[in-house]
Amino acid sequence: MSKSIFYHAGCPVCVSAEQDLIHLIGKEKVEVVHLGEESSRIEDAEKAGVLSVPALVTPNGNTLHINFGASLDDLKS
């Protein structure tokens, strides 16, 4: 993986974190995945260790939970 992946659900906490990360890291280095719109990617997020969103998965596989917006279980419903 060459880019970080930022998973979120579109809530205000997630959108704010997305904007901050893009500003800090750069849009070209972050793939943004809105799990509310791309529910097919929830399984990928789980495999990467994401338990809640917003979360950032780094290129070397570290999963960073930034703040609590929503549990992945809540997004499956």
Protein backbone atom coordinates (compact mmCIF):
# COMPACT_ATOMS: atom_id res chain seq x y z
CA MET A 1 0.00 0.00 0.00
CA SER A 2 1.53 3.30 -1.03
CA LYS A 3 -1.16 5.65 0.32
CA SER A 4 -2.77 5.96 3.70
CA ILE A 5 -6.47 5.10 3.73
CA PHE A 6 -8.81 7.30 5.75
CA TYR A 7 -12.08 5.56 6.59
CA HIS A 8 -15.04 7.63 7.74
CA ALA A 9 -18.83 7.72 7.85
CA GLY A 10 -19.58 11.34 6.96
CA CYS A 11 -20.39 12.58 10.47
CA PRO A 12 -19.11 16.01 11.54
CA VAL A 13 -16.26 14.43 13.55
CA CYS A 14 -15.20 12.42 10.49
CA VAL A 15 -15.42 15.32 8.04
CA SER A 16 -13.37 17.55 10.32
CA ALA A 17 -10.70 14.85 10.72
CA GLU A 18 -10.68 14.29 6.94
CA GLN A 19 -9.99 17.95 6.25
CA ASP A 20 -7.23 18.09 8.88
CA LEU A 21 -5.54 14.95 7.52
CA ILE A 22 -5.66 16.15 3.93
CA HIS A 23 -4.15 19.44 5.05
CA LEU A 24 -1.39 17.68 7.04
CA ILE A 25 -0.58 14.75 4.74
CA GLY A 26 -1.66 15.97 1.32
CA LYS A 27 -4.58 14.82 -0.82
CA GLU A 28 -2.29 12.82 -3.12
CA LYS A 29 -1.12 10.66 -0.20
CA VAL A 30 -4.53 9.78 1.28
CA GLU A 31 -7.33 7.67 -0.15
CA VAL A 32 -10.61 8.74 1.47
CA VAL A 33 -13.26 6.03 1.89
CA HIS A 34 -16.74 7.09 3.05
CA LEU A 35 -18.12 3.82 4.43
CA GLY A 36 -21.65 5.21 4.49
CA GLU A 37 -21.48 5.49 0.70
CA GLU A 38 -19.13 2.55 0.06
CA SER A 39 -20.42 -0.12 2.43
CA SER A 40 -18.69 -2.78 0.32
CA ARG A 41 -15.40 -1.50 1.79
CA ILE A 42 -16.40 -2.24 5.43
CA GLU A 43 -14.83 -5.70 5.19
CA ASP A 44 -11.53 -4.15 3.98
CA ALA A 45 -11.61 -1.75 6.92
CA GLU A 46 -12.20 -4.59 9.37
CA LYS A 47 -9.32 -6.62 7.92
CA ALA A 48 -7.08 -3.58 8.42
CA GLY A 49 -8.04 -3.43 12.09
CA VAL A 50 -10.50 -0.56 11.96
CA LEU A 51 -12.97 -0.77 14.86
CA SER A 52 -14.52 2.68 14.58
CA VAL A 53 -14.37 5.70 12.33
CA PRO A 54 -12.71 8.02 11.68
CA ALA A 55 -9.59 5.92 11.33
CA LEU A 56 -6.43 6.10 9.27
CA VAL A 57 -4.59 3.04 8.01
CA THR A 58 -0.98 3.91 7.23
CA PRO A 59 1.01 2.49 4.31
CA ASN A 60 2.87 0.12 6.65
CA GLY A 61 -0.41 -1.24 8.06
CA ASN A 62 -0.80 0.66 11.32
CA THR A 63 -4.40 1.53 12.13
CA LEU A 64 -4.87 4.84 13.91
CA HIS A 65 -8.25 5.52 15.51
CA ILE A 66 -8.45 9.29 15.48
CA ASN A 67 -11.63 10.02 17.42
CA PHE A 68 -14.87 8.17 17.97
CA GLY A 69 -17.56 8.98 15.43
CA ALA A 70 -19.20 5.58 14.86
CA SER A 71 -18.52 1.89 15.39
CA LEU A 72 -18.14 -0.30 12.31
CA ASP A 73 -20.93 -2.45 13.74
CA ASP A 74 -23.23 0.58 13.54
CA LEU A 75 -22.37 1.02 9.86
CA LYS A 76 -23.30 -2.57 9.05
CA SER A 77 -26.90 -2.05 10.13
